[in-house]
Amino acid sequence: MSQPPAPASSSRARAAAQLGYEVAGQIQEELAALEWSVAPQTVAGCTPPDLRVAAWHDGLLLTLRARDGFVDVWRTRDCPARQGAQLIAATPPGWQQFADRNVRLLVALRDAQGGANRA
């Protein structure tokens, strides 16, 4: 989705102008959720149908495997960056952004829970 729906964008702008930052923030979160829900499907019907994907951020390595077009393995583990470098280098270009975005989300969730076991 290249542009958010006009009514939501104007509601967000009105809330911010009235110093309703909490409402504006909630509208922004809802716009992000809407964008995510209409985004192209990535983990089913993936191309190539058999692949391995990896990404690393802040001590956490994410690895995915797809077979016959479906992601069937999704793993994380604490890991120094250099240990995951070969897996990351072999990640297909079309999957790098997807993997990076997801490993960063996982790290944010880990840190928010206070479970930061860093390698």
C-alpha atoms as a PDB file:
ATOM      1  CA  MET A   1       0.000   0.000   0.000  1.00  0.00           C
ATOM      2  CA  SER A   2       1.736   3.155  -1.195  1.00  0.00           C
ATOM      3  CA  GLN A   3      -0.572   5.681   0.476  1.00  0.00           C
ATOM      4  CA  PRO A   4      -2.628   5.276   3.660  1.00  0.00           C
ATOM      5  CA  PRO A   5      -6.404   5.702   3.279  1.00  0.00           C
ATOM      6  CA  ALA A   6      -7.270   9.418   3.157  1.00  0.00           C
ATOM      7  CA  PRO A   7      -9.777   9.395   6.064  1.00  0.00           C
ATOM      8  CA  ALA A   8      -7.259   7.719   8.392  1.00  0.00           C
ATOM      9  CA  SER A   9      -4.468  10.085   7.361  1.00  0.00           C
ATOM     10  CA  SER A  10      -6.632  13.165   7.890  1.00  0.00           C
ATOM     11  CA  SER A  11      -7.832  11.843  11.278  1.00  0.00           C
ATOM     12  CA  ARG A  12      -4.221  11.320  12.313  1.00  0.00           C
ATOM     13  CA  ALA A  13      -3.296  14.865  11.195  1.00  0.00           C
ATOM     14  CA  ARG A  14      -6.272  16.380  13.067  1.00  0.00           C
ATOM     15  CA  ALA A  15      -5.379  14.517  16.253  1.00  0.00           C
ATOM     16  CA  ALA A  16      -1.758  15.658  16.053  1.00  0.00           C
ATOM     17  CA  ALA A  17      -2.798  19.276  15.381  1.00  0.00           C
ATOM     18  CA  GLN A  18      -5.010  19.194  18.483  1.00  0.00           C
ATOM     19  CA  LEU A  19      -2.103  17.783  20.489  1.00  0.00           C
ATOM     20  CA  GLY A  20      -3.912  14.437  20.650  1.00  0.00           C
ATOM     21  CA  TYR A  21      -0.646  12.577  20.255  1.00  0.00           C
ATOM     22  CA  GLU A  22      -1.950   9.384  21.843  1.00  0.00           C
ATOM     23  CA  VAL A  23      -4.854   9.269  19.379  1.00  0.00           C
ATOM     24  CA  ALA A  24      -2.527  10.129  16.495  1.00  0.00           C
ATOM     25  CA  GLY A  25      -0.180   7.348  17.618  1.00  0.00           C
ATOM     26  CA  GLN A  26      -3.039   4.854  17.805  1.00  0.00           C
ATOM     27  CA  ILE A  27      -4.167   5.806  14.298  1.00  0.00           C
ATOM     28  CA  GLN A  28      -0.584   5.380  13.077  1.00  0.00           C
ATOM     29  CA  GLU A  29      -0.450   1.897  14.626  1.00  0.00           C
ATOM     30  CA  GLU A  30      -3.732   1.008  12.937  1.00  0.00           C
ATOM     31  CA  LEU A  31      -2.394   2.239   9.590  1.00  0.00           C
ATOM     32  CA  ALA A  32       0.711   0.058  10.050  1.00  0.00           C
ATOM     33  CA  ALA A  33      -1.494  -2.942  10.875  1.00  0.00           C
ATOM     34  CA  LEU A  34      -3.618  -2.299   7.797  1.00  0.00           C
ATOM     35  CA  GLU A  35      -0.522  -2.053   5.608  1.00  0.00           C
ATOM     36  CA  TRP A  36       0.779  -5.328   7.047  1.00  0.00           C
ATOM     37  CA  SER A  37      -2.545  -7.096   6.494  1.00  0.00           C
ATOM     38  CA  VAL A  38      -2.706  -6.184   2.794  1.00  0.00           C
ATOM     39  CA  ALA A  39       0.996  -6.788   2.099  1.00  0.00           C
ATOM     40  CA  PRO A  40       1.896  -9.543  -0.374  1.00  0.00           C
ATOM     41  CA  GLN A  41       2.053 -13.035   1.141  1.00  0.00           C
ATOM     42  CA  THR A  42       5.684 -14.044   1.708  1.00  0.00           C
ATOM     43  CA  VAL A  43       5.782 -17.316   3.606  1.00  0.00           C
ATOM     44  CA  ALA A  44       3.332 -19.320   1.474  1.00  0.00           C
ATOM     45  CA  GLY A  45       3.945 -19.817  -2.218  1.00  0.00           C
ATOM     46  CA  CYS A  46       7.456 -18.452  -1.837  1.00  0.00           C
ATOM     47  CA  THR A  47       9.969 -18.230  -4.635  1.00  0.00           C
ATOM     48  CA  PRO A  48      12.203 -20.133  -5.019  1.00  0.00           C
ATOM     49  CA  PRO A  49      10.125 -22.989  -3.569  1.00  0.00           C
ATOM     50  CA  ASP A  50      13.098 -24.476  -1.674  1.00  0.00           C
ATOM     51  CA  LEU A  51      15.308 -22.005   0.129  1.00  0.00           C
ATOM     52  CA  ARG A  52      17.177 -21.071   3.292  1.00  0.00           C
ATOM     53  CA  VAL A  53      17.040 -17.572   4.728  1.00  0.00           C
ATOM     54  CA  ALA A  54      19.003 -16.025   7.602  1.00  0.00           C
ATOM     55  CA  ALA A  55      19.356 -12.664   9.325  1.00  0.00           C
ATOM     56  CA  TRP A  56      21.192 -11.478  12.432  1.00  0.00           C
ATOM     57  CA  HIS A  57      20.668  -8.536  14.772  1.00  0.00           C
ATOM     58  CA  ASP A  58      22.004  -7.737  18.233  1.00  0.00           C
ATOM     59  CA  GLY A  59      23.094 -11.259  19.103  1.00  0.00           C
ATOM     60  CA  LEU A  60      20.114 -13.123  17.630  1.00  0.00           C
ATOM     61  CA  LEU A  61      20.209 -15.289  14.504  1.00  0.00           C
ATOM     62  CA  LEU A  62      16.955 -16.016  12.661  1.00  0.00           C
ATOM     63  CA  THR A  63      16.906 -18.893  10.175  1.00  0.00           C
ATOM     64  CA  LEU A  64      14.031 -19.973   7.940  1.00  0.00           C
ATOM     65  CA  ARG A  65      13.673 -22.902   5.583  1.00  0.00           C
ATOM     66  CA  ALA A  66      11.090 -23.352   2.846  1.00  0.00           C
ATOM     67  CA  ARG A  67      10.204 -26.538   1.041  1.00  0.00           C
ATOM     68  CA  ASP A  68       7.748 -26.844  -1.810  1.00  0.00           C
ATOM     69  CA  GLY A  69       6.930 -23.137  -1.544  1.00  0.00           C
ATOM     70  CA  PHE A  70       6.078 -23.016   2.187  1.00  0.00           C
ATOM     71  CA  VAL A  71       8.185 -21.930   5.150  1.00  0.00           C
ATOM     72  CA  ASP A  72       8.312 -25.032   7.331  1.00  0.00           C
ATOM     73  CA  VAL A  73      11.110 -24.189   9.790  1.00  0.00           C
ATOM     74  CA  TRP A  74      11.529 -20.900  11.676  1.00  0.00           C
ATOM     75  CA  ARG A  75      14.279 -20.874  14.332  1.00  0.00           C
ATOM     76  CA  THR A  76      16.125 -18.354  16.445  1.00  0.00           C
ATOM     77  CA  ARG A  77      19.222 -18.690  18.587  1.00  0.00           C
ATOM     78  CA  ASP A  78      21.745 -16.498  20.320  1.00  0.00           C
ATOM     79  CA  CYS A  79      24.759 -16.197  18.075  1.00  0.00           C
ATOM     80  CA  PRO A  80      27.760 -13.925  17.459  1.00  0.00           C
ATOM     81  CA  ALA A  81      27.476 -12.128  14.094  1.00  0.00           C
ATOM     82  CA  ARG A  82      30.481 -13.890  12.574  1.00  0.00           C
ATOM     83  CA  GLN A  83      28.939 -17.352  13.129  1.00  0.00           C
ATOM     84  CA  GLY A  84      25.851 -16.491  11.081  1.00  0.00           C
ATOM     85  CA  ALA A  85      27.692 -14.629   8.326  1.00  0.00           C
ATOM     86  CA  GLN A  86      27.817 -17.560   5.876  1.00  0.00           C
ATOM     87  CA  LEU A  87      24.094 -18.263   6.245  1.00  0.00           C
ATOM     88  CA  ILE A  88      23.254 -14.585   5.841  1.00  0.00           C
ATOM     89  CA  ALA A  89      25.443 -14.308   2.732  1.00  0.00           C
ATOM     90  CA  ALA A  90      23.538 -17.214   1.133  1.00  0.00           C
ATOM     91  CA  THR A  91      20.128 -15.589   1.693  1.00  0.00           C
ATOM     92  CA  PRO A  92      18.416 -14.814  -1.647  1.00  0.00           C
ATOM     93  CA  PRO A  93      18.283 -11.036  -2.310  1.00  0.00           C
ATOM     94  CA  GLY A  94      14.481 -10.945  -2.373  1.00  0.00           C
ATOM     95  CA  TRP A  95      14.366 -12.364   1.156  1.00  0.00           C
ATOM     96  CA  GLN A  96      16.993 -10.225   2.890  1.00  0.00           C
ATOM     97  CA  GLN A  97      14.659  -7.355   3.778  1.00  0.00           C
ATOM     98  CA  PHE A  98      11.961  -9.753   5.024  1.00  0.00           C
ATOM     99  CA  ALA A  99      14.430 -11.631   7.242  1.00  0.00           C
ATOM    100  CA  ASP A 100      16.056  -8.445   8.544  1.00  0.00           C
ATOM    101  CA  ARG A 101      12.710  -6.875   9.442  1.00  0.00           C
ATOM    102  CA  ASN A 102      11.633 -10.012  11.306  1.00  0.00           C
ATOM    103  CA  VAL A 103      14.851 -10.516  13.259  1.00  0.00           C
ATOM    104  CA  ARG A 104      14.729  -6.856  14.361  1.00  0.00           C
ATOM    105  CA  LEU A 105      11.147  -7.351  15.521  1.00  0.00           C
ATOM    106  CA  LEU A 106      12.180 -10.477  17.447  1.00  0.00           C
ATOM    107  CA  VAL A 107      15.004  -8.575  19.156  1.00  0.00           C
ATOM    108  CA  ALA A 108      12.626  -5.741  20.101  1.00  0.00           C
ATOM    109  CA  LEU A 109      10.196  -8.263  21.604  1.00  0.00           C
ATOM    110  CA  ARG A 110      13.006 -10.049  23.430  1.00  0.00           C
ATOM    111  CA  ASP A 111      14.333  -6.812  24.856  1.00  0.00           C
ATOM    112  CA  ALA A 112      10.860  -5.602  25.848  1.00  0.00           C
ATOM    113  CA  GLN A 113      10.457  -8.770  27.907  1.00  0.00           C
ATOM    114  CA  GLY A 114      13.838  -8.233  29.558  1.00  0.00           C
ATOM    115  CA  GLY A 115      15.185 -11.528  28.253  1.00  0.00           C
ATOM    116  CA  ALA A 116      18.257 -10.174  26.539  1.00  0.00           C
ATOM    117  CA  ASN A 117      20.736 -13.078  26.610  1.00  0.00           C
ATOM    118  CA  ARG A 118      23.330 -11.706  24.279  1.00  0.00           C
ATOM    119  CA  ALA A 119      25.978 -13.877  22.663  1.00  0.00           C
END
